[in-house]
Amino acid sequence: MTAAVMGIDSSTQSCTVELRHAGTGHLLSSGRAPHPTTRPPVSEQHPQDWWDALVLASRAAIAALEEPVEVVGVSVGAQCHGLVATDRDGRLIRPAKLWNDTTSGPQARAMLADRGAPWWAEQVGLLPSAAITISKLAWLAEHEPDAIPRIDRLHVPHDWLTFRLTGRHVTDRSDASGTGYYSSDTGRWRPDLLQEFVGERDWSGALPQVLGPEESAGRVTDEAAAALGITAGAVVGPGGGDQHLAAQGIGLQPGDCAYSLGTSGVVLASSDTPVHDTTGEIDGVADVTGRWLPLVCTLNATKVTDTVARLLDVDHATLGDLALAAPVTPDRPVLAAYLDGERSPRLPEARGMLSGLAGDLSREQLALAAFEGVVLGLWRGARRMLEFGVPDHGRAIVLGGGARSPAYRQVVADLSGRDTITVDAPEATARGAAIQAAALVHGESVAAMTRHWAPETVTVTTPRDDRATGLVDRYQRLAAVQADGTTF
């Protein structure tokens, strides 16, 4: 029977499962199942919905196989930062607060004011924001204080699903370093920060064991295997955050810069050393190979083009056609695309602004402004990482749902000034999770397996001359207005 590995991507909107040949990485089948979604400012989900979607997606992938396989390895990637708290009986204490829940902005600002940006950047690699887990715990302590003493285990989404698979309370360094109470430099939890900003109690026992890149999280239990429709006993990888495993799924190498376009937007690169950005724009997190993955995350990506498509009453393909047909004038409209506040820059209560309107405003110009507004937010992050010496001499890779759009690919090429590629990894996080599982099965490093399974290039988009002329400066000025707190 063919040996296969299962890569899992539990995202904000759905769960995707890929079954790949354990030796070659060839895609054997896939399955997908949605789960209920929500929007800021209060963005919460029931973790049981993630598990139910995983079960459906796994069974769909099994049903789509042309011949039976033996699943010998499994790994989970999932949305980062979300707060999942369980009691001593393993029961969920409340719904999970997600990465894009912005209600803990006041708590994050208080933590930042208490210690200062340089301290947080040096100690944990990122600054408190409404996105990260520690601010959500501080919100819980203030608004639902009775929940704090009930917490027996703290999880983020991927390690809660790993717990459901194996019964072990473990995580990996990539997702741990996005909590705000873990130092990616030293590889240690910081329970002292939880004591200071959440509540006086012994937090050490509530924190999961942090596994190395090639350490096993355990094996799939009989109960979990029966639910998923596979044989029990498959080895389970340490898992990781969705963007971290997506980096492996696309074959990210040192020097490459990746633009991820999904519900959120992320620009990321690989680094041999950690990054400490006192402005908080760059999250200096760890990756899933033992290196670091500095990244800048924006809250507003494809939701922006979704919104403009709805306003213009067109589908996504037509919106892209409109954008590519827009006249490129130096004074064309520019959008600060802060529809749900923003994470980078740190403006959780901001609103979007469209500037440069004139009497000849067209549907084409509005469509182009939507795509450019999203990409300009990521361009800002890429330039910030360059200031910290993160290498940027390799490929520009676009991934995520937005990568299917020729308009997004063209705008990334135009604004970055580089040939932009997509690779054969449409479900990059699930593919990266499968790579991790295969590395564990074969006793190889994740980095070596990533090179071995490097995906082929699918599209190459060449930048068009002078597309960014004047636009970048005007976007910077518009973003500066928002940063001053001006509202209209």
Protein backbone atom coordinates (compact mmCIF):
# COMPACT_ATOMS: atom_id res chain seq x y z
CA MET A 1 0.00 0.00 0.00
CA THR A 2 1.27 3.47 -0.88
CA ALA A 3 2.64 5.44 2.08
CA ALA A 4 1.19 8.95 2.28
CA VAL A 5 1.54 12.01 4.47
CA MET A 6 -1.32 14.33 5.41
CA GLY A 7 -0.81 18.09 5.48
CA ILE A 8 -3.52 20.13 7.23
CA ASP A 9 -4.31 23.83 6.90
CA SER A 10 -6.92 25.08 9.38
CA SER A 11 -7.47 28.66 8.28
CA THR A 12 -9.78 31.44 9.41
CA GLN A 13 -12.41 30.29 6.91
CA SER A 14 -11.96 26.57 6.28
CA CYS A 15 -9.86 23.45 6.62
CA THR A 16 -7.87 21.99 3.73
CA VAL A 17 -6.25 18.55 3.75
CA GLU A 18 -3.68 17.32 1.24
CA LEU A 19 -2.57 13.71 0.93
CA ARG A 20 0.85 13.43 -0.72
CA HIS A 21 3.09 10.51 -1.62
CA ALA A 22 5.48 10.17 1.31
CA GLY A 23 8.48 9.70 -0.97
CA THR A 24 7.97 11.92 -3.99
CA GLY A 25 5.60 14.57 -2.64
CA HIS A 26 3.17 13.93 -5.51
CA LEU A 27 -0.34 15.16 -4.66
CA LEU A 28 -2.63 12.14 -4.33
CA SER A 29 -5.85 13.88 -3.30
CA SER A 30 -7.23 16.78 -1.31
CA GLY A 31 -10.33 17.76 0.62
CA ARG A 32 -11.75 20.96 1.96
CA ALA A 33 -14.53 21.92 4.37
CA PRO A 34 -15.63 25.38 5.51
CA HIS A 35 -16.42 26.43 9.05
CA PRO A 36 -18.25 29.49 10.39
CA THR A 37 -16.37 32.77 10.03
CA THR A 38 -16.51 36.12 11.77
CA ARG A 39 -15.20 39.67 11.40
CA PRO A 40 -13.56 42.26 13.65
CA PRO A 41 -13.80 43.92 16.04
CA VAL A 42 -15.14 40.85 17.91
CA SER A 43 -13.79 37.86 15.99
CA GLU A 44 -14.28 34.54 17.75
CA GLN A 45 -14.74 30.92 16.67
CA HIS A 46 -15.58 27.67 18.39
CA PRO A 47 -12.55 25.33 18.13
CA GLN A 48 -14.90 22.36 17.82
CA ASP A 49 -15.85 23.80 14.43
CA TRP A 50 -12.19 23.50 13.37
CA TRP A 51 -12.15 19.85 14.35
CA ASP A 52 -15.44 19.13 12.60
CA ALA A 53 -14.12 20.78 9.43
CA LEU A 54 -10.89 18.76 9.68
CA VAL A 55 -12.87 15.53 9.92
CA LEU A 56 -14.94 16.41 6.86
CA ALA A 57 -11.89 17.55 4.86
CA SER A 58 -9.94 14.40 5.76
CA ARG A 59 -12.78 12.11 4.78
CA ALA A 60 -13.23 14.03 1.51
CA ALA A 61 -9.53 13.57 0.71
CA ILE A 62 -9.71 9.85 1.54
CA ALA A 63 -12.80 9.44 -0.65
CA ALA A 64 -11.06 11.19 -3.57
CA LEU A 65 -8.14 8.72 -3.65
CA GLU A 66 -7.80 6.53 -6.72
CA GLU A 67 -6.44 3.71 -4.57
CA PRO A 68 -6.08 3.15 -0.81
CA VAL A 69 -3.07 4.59 1.02
CA GLU A 70 -1.54 4.23 4.46
CA VAL A 71 -1.18 7.62 6.15
CA VAL A 72 2.16 7.40 7.95
CA GLY A 73 2.65 11.06 8.87
CA VAL A 74 0.45 14.04 9.72
CA SER A 75 1.17 17.69 10.47
CA VAL A 76 -1.05 20.67 11.25
CA GLY A 77 -0.73 24.28 10.18
CA ALA A 78 -3.30 26.81 11.37
CA GLN A 79 -4.11 30.47 11.82
CA CYS A 80 -1.73 32.06 14.33
CA HIS A 81 -2.17 33.83 17.68
CA GLY A 82 -5.69 32.69 18.53
CA LEU A 83 -6.39 32.12 22.24
CA VAL A 84 -7.68 28.64 23.08
CA ALA A 85 -8.05 27.93 26.81
CA THR A 86 -9.12 24.61 28.32
CA ASP A 87 -9.82 23.47 31.87
CA ARG A 88 -8.38 20.48 33.73
CA ASP A 89 -10.92 18.17 32.05
CA GLY A 90 -9.85 19.39 28.60
CA ARG A 91 -13.07 21.31 28.06
CA LEU A 92 -13.02 24.63 26.23
CA ILE A 93 -13.53 27.52 28.63
CA ARG A 94 -14.86 29.91 25.97
CA PRO A 95 -14.76 30.45 22.20
CA ALA A 96 -11.34 31.20 20.78
CA LYS A 97 -10.43 34.84 20.25
CA LEU A 98 -8.81 35.02 16.81
CA TRP A 99 -5.81 36.87 15.43
CA ASN A 100 -8.07 39.49 13.82
CA ASP A 101 -10.08 40.21 16.97
CA THR A 102 -9.18 43.83 17.75
CA THR A 103 -10.96 44.22 21.09
CA SER A 104 -7.73 43.80 23.08
CA GLY A 105 -6.18 46.94 21.58
CA PRO A 106 -6.38 48.83 24.91
CA GLN A 107 -4.63 46.01 26.77
CA ALA A 108 -1.90 45.87 24.14
CA ARG A 109 -1.34 49.64 24.39
CA ALA A 110 -1.13 49.41 28.17
CA MET A 111 1.51 46.66 28.00
CA LEU A 112 3.50 48.66 25.48
CA ALA A 113 3.32 51.78 27.62
CA ASP A 114 4.43 49.81 30.69
CA ARG A 115 7.68 48.41 29.28
CA GLY A 116 8.29 50.35 26.08
CA ALA A 117 8.82 49.21 22.52
CA PRO A 118 12.60 48.55 22.69
CA TRP A 119 12.15 46.22 25.66
CA TRP A 120 9.44 44.14 24.01
CA ALA A 121 11.36 43.95 20.73
CA GLU A 122 14.48 42.69 22.51
CA GLN A 123 12.77 40.36 24.96
CA VAL A 124 10.18 38.58 22.80
CA GLY A 125 10.84 39.75 19.23
CA LEU A 126 7.53 41.52 18.66
CA LEU A 127 5.49 44.26 20.27
CA PRO A 128 2.12 43.80 21.96
CA SER A 129 -0.78 44.31 19.58
CA ALA A 130 -4.41 43.32 19.47
CA ALA A 131 -3.39 40.37 17.29
CA ILE A 132 -1.12 38.46 19.65
CA THR A 133 -2.17 36.02 22.33
CA ILE A 134 -0.93 37.80 25.44
CA SER A 135 -3.14 40.81 24.77
CA LYS A 136 -6.15 38.52 24.42
CA LEU A 137 -5.33 36.94 27.77
CA ALA A 138 -5.06 40.40 29.31
CA TRP A 139 -8.49 41.22 27.84
CA LEU A 140 -9.86 38.00 29.35
CA ALA A 141 -8.44 38.90 32.76
CA GLU A 142 -10.16 42.28 32.63
CA HIS A 143 -13.53 41.29 31.14
CA GLU A 144 -13.98 37.65 32.22
CA PRO A 145 -11.74 37.34 35.30
CA ASP A 146 -13.41 34.16 36.54
CA ALA A 147 -11.95 32.34 33.52
CA ILE A 148 -8.32 32.89 34.50
CA PRO A 149 -8.08 30.46 37.47
CA ARG A 150 -9.94 27.83 35.43
CA ILE A 151 -7.24 27.71 32.73
CA ASP A 152 -5.33 24.45 32.86
CA ARG A 153 -3.81 24.54 29.36
CA LEU A 154 -3.14 27.37 26.92
CA HIS A 155 -3.15 26.60 23.21
CA VAL A 156 -3.04 28.40 19.90
CA PRO A 157 -5.16 26.86 17.12
CA HIS A 158 -2.60 24.51 15.58
CA ASP A 159 -1.50 22.97 18.86
CA TRP A 160 -5.10 22.51 20.03
CA LEU A 161 -5.72 20.47 16.88
CA THR A 162 -2.47 18.57 17.49
CA PHE A 163 -3.76 17.87 21.00
CA ARG A 164 -6.96 16.46 19.50
CA LEU A 165 -4.86 14.20 17.27
CA THR A 166 -2.37 12.96 19.85
CA GLY A 167 -3.52 13.85 23.36
CA ARG A 168 -0.22 15.70 23.92
CA HIS A 169 0.04 19.37 24.90
CA VAL A 170 2.83 20.52 22.56
CA THR A 171 3.58 23.30 20.10
CA ASP A 172 6.45 24.49 17.90
CA ARG A 173 8.73 27.52 18.03
CA SER A 174 7.10 29.29 15.06
CA ASP A 175 3.66 29.56 16.64
CA ALA A 176 5.06 29.96 20.17
CA SER A 177 7.00 33.03 19.06
CA GLY A 178 3.77 34.74 18.02
CA THR A 179 2.16 34.55 21.45
CA GLY A 180 3.99 37.46 23.10
CA TYR A 181 5.12 35.31 26.02
CA TYR A 182 7.89 33.33 24.33
CA SER A 183 11.42 34.47 23.44
CA SER A 184 12.44 33.16 20.04
CA ASP A 185 16.03 34.21 20.79
CA THR A 186 16.41 31.98 23.84
CA GLY A 187 13.77 29.38 22.97
CA ARG A 188 12.05 29.82 26.34
CA TRP A 189 8.57 30.64 27.57
CA ARG A 190 8.15 33.83 29.57
CA PRO A 191 5.58 32.94 32.27
CA ASP A 192 6.74 36.04 34.15
CA LEU A 193 5.00 38.16 31.51
CA LEU A 194 1.76 36.28 32.05
CA GLN A 195 2.08 36.82 35.79
CA GLU A 196 2.66 40.52 35.30
CA PHE A 197 0.06 41.32 32.66
CA VAL A 198 -2.60 38.61 33.04
CA GLY A 199 -2.70 37.36 36.61
CA GLU A 200 -0.69 36.15 39.58
CA ARG A 201 -0.62 32.37 39.35
CA ASP A 202 1.76 29.62 38.28
CA TRP A 203 1.50 29.66 34.48
CA SER A 204 4.29 27.18 33.78
CA GLY A 205 2.05 24.13 33.84
CA ALA A 206 -0.40 25.72 31.41
CA LEU A 207 2.20 26.18 28.68
CA PRO A 208 2.82 23.50 26.04
CA GLN A 209 6.16 21.83 25.43
CA VAL A 210 7.95 23.52 22.53
CA LEU A 211 9.19 20.95 20.02
CA GLY A 212 12.12 21.29 17.66
CA PRO A 213 11.62 21.22 13.87
CA GLU A 214 12.10 17.46 13.58
CA GLU A 215 10.62 16.33 16.90
CA SER A 216 7.46 14.24 16.96
CA ALA A 217 4.33 15.49 18.67
CA GLY A 218 3.20 11.90 19.15
CA ARG A 219 1.02 9.56 17.15
CA VAL A 220 -2.57 9.74 15.97
CA THR A 221 -4.80 8.10 18.58
CA ASP A 222 -7.36 5.41 17.82
CA GLU A 223 -10.21 7.86 18.44
CA ALA A 224 -8.79 10.57 16.19
CA ALA A 225 -7.92 8.09 13.45
CA ALA A 226 -11.44 6.71 13.42
CA ALA A 227 -12.83 10.22 13.05
CA LEU A 228 -10.47 11.11 10.21
CA GLY A 229 -10.89 7.81 8.39
CA ILE A 230 -7.23 6.74 8.60
CA THR A 231 -5.25 4.07 10.41
CA ALA A 232 -4.13 4.89 13.95
CA GLY A 233 -0.46 5.34 14.77
CA ALA A 234 0.69 7.83 12.14
CA VAL A 235 3.52 10.01 13.44
CA VAL A 236 2.51 13.65 13.99
CA GLY A 237 4.85 16.56 13.35
CA PRO A 238 5.23 19.59 15.61
CA GLY A 239 3.08 21.64 13.21
CA GLY A 240 3.32 25.39 12.94
CA GLY A 241 1.73 28.67 12.04
CA ASP A 242 0.04 28.94 8.68
CA GLN A 243 2.45 31.46 7.17
CA HIS A 244 5.49 29.64 8.55
CA LEU A 245 4.50 26.35 6.95
CA ALA A 246 3.41 28.12 3.77
CA ALA A 247 7.01 29.34 3.47
CA GLN A 248 8.08 25.70 3.30
CA GLY A 249 5.25 24.83 0.95
CA ILE A 250 6.44 27.35 -1.66
CA GLY A 251 10.09 26.41 -1.21
CA LEU A 252 11.15 29.76 0.29
CA GLN A 253 14.95 30.10 0.30
CA PRO A 254 17.25 32.75 1.82
CA GLY A 255 17.01 35.90 -0.28
CA ASP A 256 13.45 35.25 -1.47
CA CYS A 257 10.60 37.59 -0.55
CA ALA A 258 7.08 36.15 -0.39
CA TYR A 259 3.79 38.07 -0.61
CA SER A 260 0.89 36.13 0.86
CA LEU A 261 -2.55 37.36 -0.17
CA GLY A 262 -5.42 35.89 1.80
CA THR A 263 -7.82 37.16 4.48
CA SER A 264 -4.74 38.85 5.87
CA GLY A 265 -1.74 40.01 3.88
CA VAL A 266 1.75 38.93 4.85
CA VAL A 267 5.17 39.71 3.45
CA LEU A 268 7.90 37.41 4.74
CA ALA A 269 11.48 36.36 4.20
CA SER A 270 14.08 34.00 5.66
CA SER A 271 16.82 35.17 8.02
CA ASP A 272 19.78 33.54 9.76
CA THR A 273 19.41 35.94 12.69
CA PRO A 274 16.44 37.33 14.63
CA VAL A 275 15.07 40.79 13.87
CA HIS A 276 14.21 43.27 16.65
CA ASP A 277 12.02 46.07 15.28
CA THR A 278 11.06 48.57 17.98
CA THR A 279 8.31 50.07 15.80
CA GLY A 280 6.46 46.76 15.90
CA GLU A 281 5.96 46.58 12.14
CA ILE A 282 8.16 43.49 11.79
CA ASP A 283 7.35 40.41 13.84
CA GLY A 284 10.70 38.78 14.54
CA VAL A 285 9.32 35.26 14.79
CA ALA A 286 10.96 31.88 14.41
CA ASP A 287 10.36 29.62 11.41
CA VAL A 288 9.79 25.85 11.26
CA THR A 289 13.38 24.96 10.28
CA GLY A 290 15.45 26.42 13.12
CA ARG A 291 15.96 29.81 11.44
CA TRP A 292 13.86 33.00 11.69
CA LEU A 293 11.02 34.27 9.54
CA PRO A 294 10.68 38.05 9.89
CA LEU A 295 7.26 39.04 8.61
CA VAL A 296 4.89 41.96 8.38
CA CYS A 297 1.18 41.20 8.59
CA THR A 298 -1.66 43.45 7.48
CA LEU A 299 -5.28 42.85 8.42
CA ASN A 300 -6.59 43.93 5.03
CA ALA A 301 -5.85 41.94 1.91
CA THR A 302 -8.30 40.14 -0.38
CA LYS A 303 -11.22 41.39 1.72
CA VAL A 304 -10.48 44.81 0.19
CA THR A 305 -10.90 43.61 -3.38
CA ASP A 306 -13.90 41.53 -2.26
CA THR A 307 -15.51 44.74 -0.99
CA VAL A 308 -14.80 46.77 -4.12
CA ALA A 309 -16.03 43.93 -6.34
CA ARG A 310 -19.29 43.99 -4.38
CA LEU A 311 -19.58 47.78 -4.70
CA LEU A 312 -19.04 47.59 -8.47
CA ASP A 313 -21.32 44.55 -8.73
CA VAL A 314 -18.75 42.43 -10.58
CA ASP A 315 -17.02 39.11 -9.96
CA HIS A 316 -13.34 38.86 -9.03
CA ALA A 317 -12.13 38.13 -12.55
CA THR A 318 -13.95 41.17 -13.93
CA LEU A 319 -12.56 43.37 -11.15
CA GLY A 320 -9.07 42.25 -12.13
CA ASP A 321 -9.75 43.01 -15.79
CA LEU A 322 -10.95 46.47 -14.84
CA ALA A 323 -7.82 47.12 -12.80
CA LEU A 324 -5.47 46.02 -15.57
CA ALA A 325 -7.34 48.27 -18.03
CA ALA A 326 -7.08 51.37 -15.81
CA PRO A 327 -5.08 54.33 -17.15
CA VAL A 328 -1.84 54.70 -15.21
CA THR A 329 -1.54 58.38 -14.41
CA PRO A 330 0.83 59.76 -11.75
CA ASP A 331 -2.10 61.30 -9.87
CA ARG A 332 -4.38 58.23 -9.97
CA PRO A 333 -6.43 57.48 -6.84
CA VAL A 334 -4.60 55.81 -3.97
CA LEU A 335 -6.19 53.79 -1.17
CA ALA A 336 -5.10 53.31 2.43
CA ALA A 337 -6.94 50.01 2.72
CA TYR A 338 -7.75 49.95 6.44
CA LEU A 339 -11.25 48.48 6.26
CA ASP A 340 -10.98 46.64 9.60
CA GLY A 341 -8.41 48.79 11.35
CA GLU A 342 -4.81 47.80 10.74
CA ARG A 343 -2.07 45.80 12.37
CA SER A 344 0.93 47.10 10.40
CA PRO A 345 1.07 50.01 10.93
CA ARG A 346 -0.43 49.73 14.40
CA LEU A 347 -3.80 51.42 13.83
CA PRO A 348 -6.45 49.03 15.21
CA GLU A 349 -9.23 51.65 15.10
CA ALA A 350 -8.34 53.25 11.76
CA ARG A 351 -10.66 53.45 8.77
CA GLY A 352 -9.77 53.34 5.10
CA MET A 353 -9.12 56.46 3.04
CA LEU A 354 -9.34 56.95 -0.72
CA SER A 355 -7.39 59.96 -1.95
CA GLY A 356 -6.92 61.67 -5.30
CA LEU A 357 -10.51 61.63 -6.49
CA ALA A 358 -11.39 63.69 -9.57
CA GLY A 359 -14.43 64.22 -11.75
CA ASP A 360 -13.25 61.62 -14.26
CA LEU A 361 -13.05 58.81 -11.65
CA SER A 362 -13.78 55.52 -13.39
CA ARG A 363 -14.63 51.98 -12.40
CA GLU A 364 -11.21 50.97 -13.72
CA GLN A 365 -9.40 53.46 -11.49
CA LEU A 366 -11.33 52.34 -8.42
CA ALA A 367 -10.54 48.70 -9.17
CA LEU A 368 -6.83 49.45 -9.59
CA ALA A 369 -6.77 51.47 -6.37
CA ALA A 370 -8.14 48.45 -4.49
CA PHE A 371 -5.41 46.10 -5.73
CA GLU A 372 -2.68 48.69 -5.28
CA GLY A 373 -3.89 49.61 -1.80
CA VAL A 374 -3.50 46.03 -0.63
CA VAL A 375 -0.07 45.57 -2.19
CA LEU A 376 1.23 48.95 -1.00
CA GLY A 377 0.64 47.83 2.57
CA LEU A 378 2.86 44.81 1.93
CA TRP A 379 5.39 46.83 -0.06
CA ARG A 380 5.79 49.03 3.02
CA GLY A 381 6.61 45.92 5.07
CA ALA A 382 9.12 44.60 2.52
CA ARG A 383 11.00 47.90 2.56
CA ARG A 384 11.03 47.87 6.35
CA MET A 385 12.61 44.40 6.44
CA LEU A 386 15.27 45.54 3.98
CA GLU A 387 16.24 48.26 6.47
CA PHE A 388 17.06 45.52 8.98
CA GLY A 389 19.37 43.71 6.60
CA VAL A 390 16.99 40.87 5.72
CA PRO A 391 18.30 39.56 2.38
CA ASP A 392 16.08 40.38 -0.59
CA HIS A 393 18.10 39.37 -3.65
CA GLY A 394 16.17 36.27 -4.70
CA ARG A 395 12.72 35.62 -6.05
CA ALA A 396 9.49 37.55 -5.43
CA ILE A 397 6.85 34.87 -4.83
CA VAL A 398 3.10 35.45 -4.58
CA LEU A 399 0.97 32.91 -2.74
CA GLY A 400 -2.45 32.57 -1.17
CA GLY A 401 -5.85 32.95 -2.76
CA GLY A 402 -4.89 36.29 -4.28
CA ALA A 403 -2.08 34.64 -6.24
CA ARG A 404 -4.70 33.27 -8.64
CA SER A 405 -5.46 36.84 -9.75
CA PRO A 406 -3.42 38.17 -12.71
CA ALA A 407 -4.14 41.67 -11.41
CA TYR A 408 -2.59 40.97 -8.00
CA ARG A 409 0.44 39.33 -9.64
CA GLN A 410 0.92 42.29 -11.97
CA VAL A 411 0.58 44.89 -9.23
CA VAL A 412 3.13 43.07 -7.03
CA ALA A 413 5.54 43.01 -9.99
CA ASP A 414 4.91 46.68 -10.80
CA LEU A 415 5.35 47.96 -7.26
CA SER A 416 8.29 45.71 -6.35
CA GLY A 417 10.00 46.30 -9.70
CA ARG A 418 10.88 42.59 -9.94
CA ASP A 419 9.76 39.58 -11.90
CA THR A 420 7.10 37.95 -9.74
CA ILE A 421 6.39 34.25 -9.79
CA THR A 422 3.83 31.78 -8.55
CA VAL A 423 4.73 28.18 -7.87
CA ASP A 424 2.85 24.91 -7.98
CA ALA A 425 1.67 25.14 -4.38
CA PRO A 426 -1.92 26.44 -4.47
CA GLU A 427 -2.42 25.20 -0.90
CA ALA A 428 0.97 26.26 0.41
CA THR A 429 0.28 25.75 4.14
CA ALA A 430 -1.09 22.24 3.66
CA ARG A 431 1.83 21.43 1.37
CA GLY A 432 4.31 22.79 3.93
CA ALA A 433 2.69 20.70 6.65
CA ALA A 434 3.04 17.62 4.42
CA ILE A 435 6.74 18.44 3.92
CA GLN A 436 7.21 18.59 7.69
CA ALA A 437 5.43 15.27 8.16
CA ALA A 438 7.55 13.66 5.42
CA ALA A 439 10.77 14.97 7.00
CA LEU A 440 9.80 13.30 10.25
CA VAL A 441 8.92 10.03 8.50
CA HIS A 442 12.25 9.94 6.63
CA GLY A 443 14.43 11.30 9.42
CA GLU A 444 15.51 14.32 7.34
CA SER A 445 15.59 18.00 8.19
CA VAL A 446 12.64 20.14 7.16
CA ALA A 447 15.02 22.40 5.22
CA ALA A 448 16.38 19.44 3.23
CA MET A 449 12.90 18.09 2.53
CA THR A 450 11.79 21.55 1.40
CA ARG A 451 14.57 21.59 -1.20
CA HIS A 452 13.78 18.02 -2.22
CA TRP A 453 10.10 18.85 -2.75
CA ALA A 454 10.68 22.32 -4.28
CA PRO A 455 7.61 23.21 -6.38
CA GLU A 456 7.88 24.17 -10.03
CA THR A 457 7.37 27.73 -11.23
CA VAL A 458 3.92 28.19 -12.79
CA THR A 459 3.75 31.86 -13.83
CA VAL A 460 6.24 34.70 -14.27
CA THR A 461 4.96 38.29 -14.33
CA THR A 462 7.27 41.06 -15.52
CA PRO A 463 6.92 44.59 -14.11
CA ARG A 464 5.62 47.34 -16.40
CA ASP A 465 7.69 50.52 -16.54
CA ASP A 466 6.86 53.50 -14.32
CA ARG A 467 3.76 51.95 -12.78
CA ALA A 468 4.85 53.06 -9.28
CA THR A 469 5.84 56.60 -10.29
CA GLY A 470 4.44 59.03 -7.71
CA LEU A 471 2.14 56.42 -6.20
CA VAL A 472 4.44 55.25 -3.43
CA ASP A 473 5.13 58.76 -2.16
CA ARG A 474 1.43 59.62 -2.10
CA TYR A 475 0.63 56.37 -0.29
CA GLN A 476 3.27 57.15 2.32
CA ARG A 477 1.74 60.58 2.92
CA LEU A 478 -1.77 59.14 3.18
CA ALA A 479 -0.60 56.47 5.63
CA ALA A 480 1.11 59.18 7.67
CA VAL A 481 -2.19 61.04 7.98
CA GLN A 482 -3.77 57.88 9.38
CA ALA A 483 -0.86 57.36 11.77
CA ASP A 484 -1.46 60.84 13.21
CA GLY A 485 -4.90 59.66 14.26
CA THR A 486 -6.77 62.00 11.96
CA THR A 487 -10.34 60.91 11.22
CA PHE A 488 -12.83 62.29 8.75
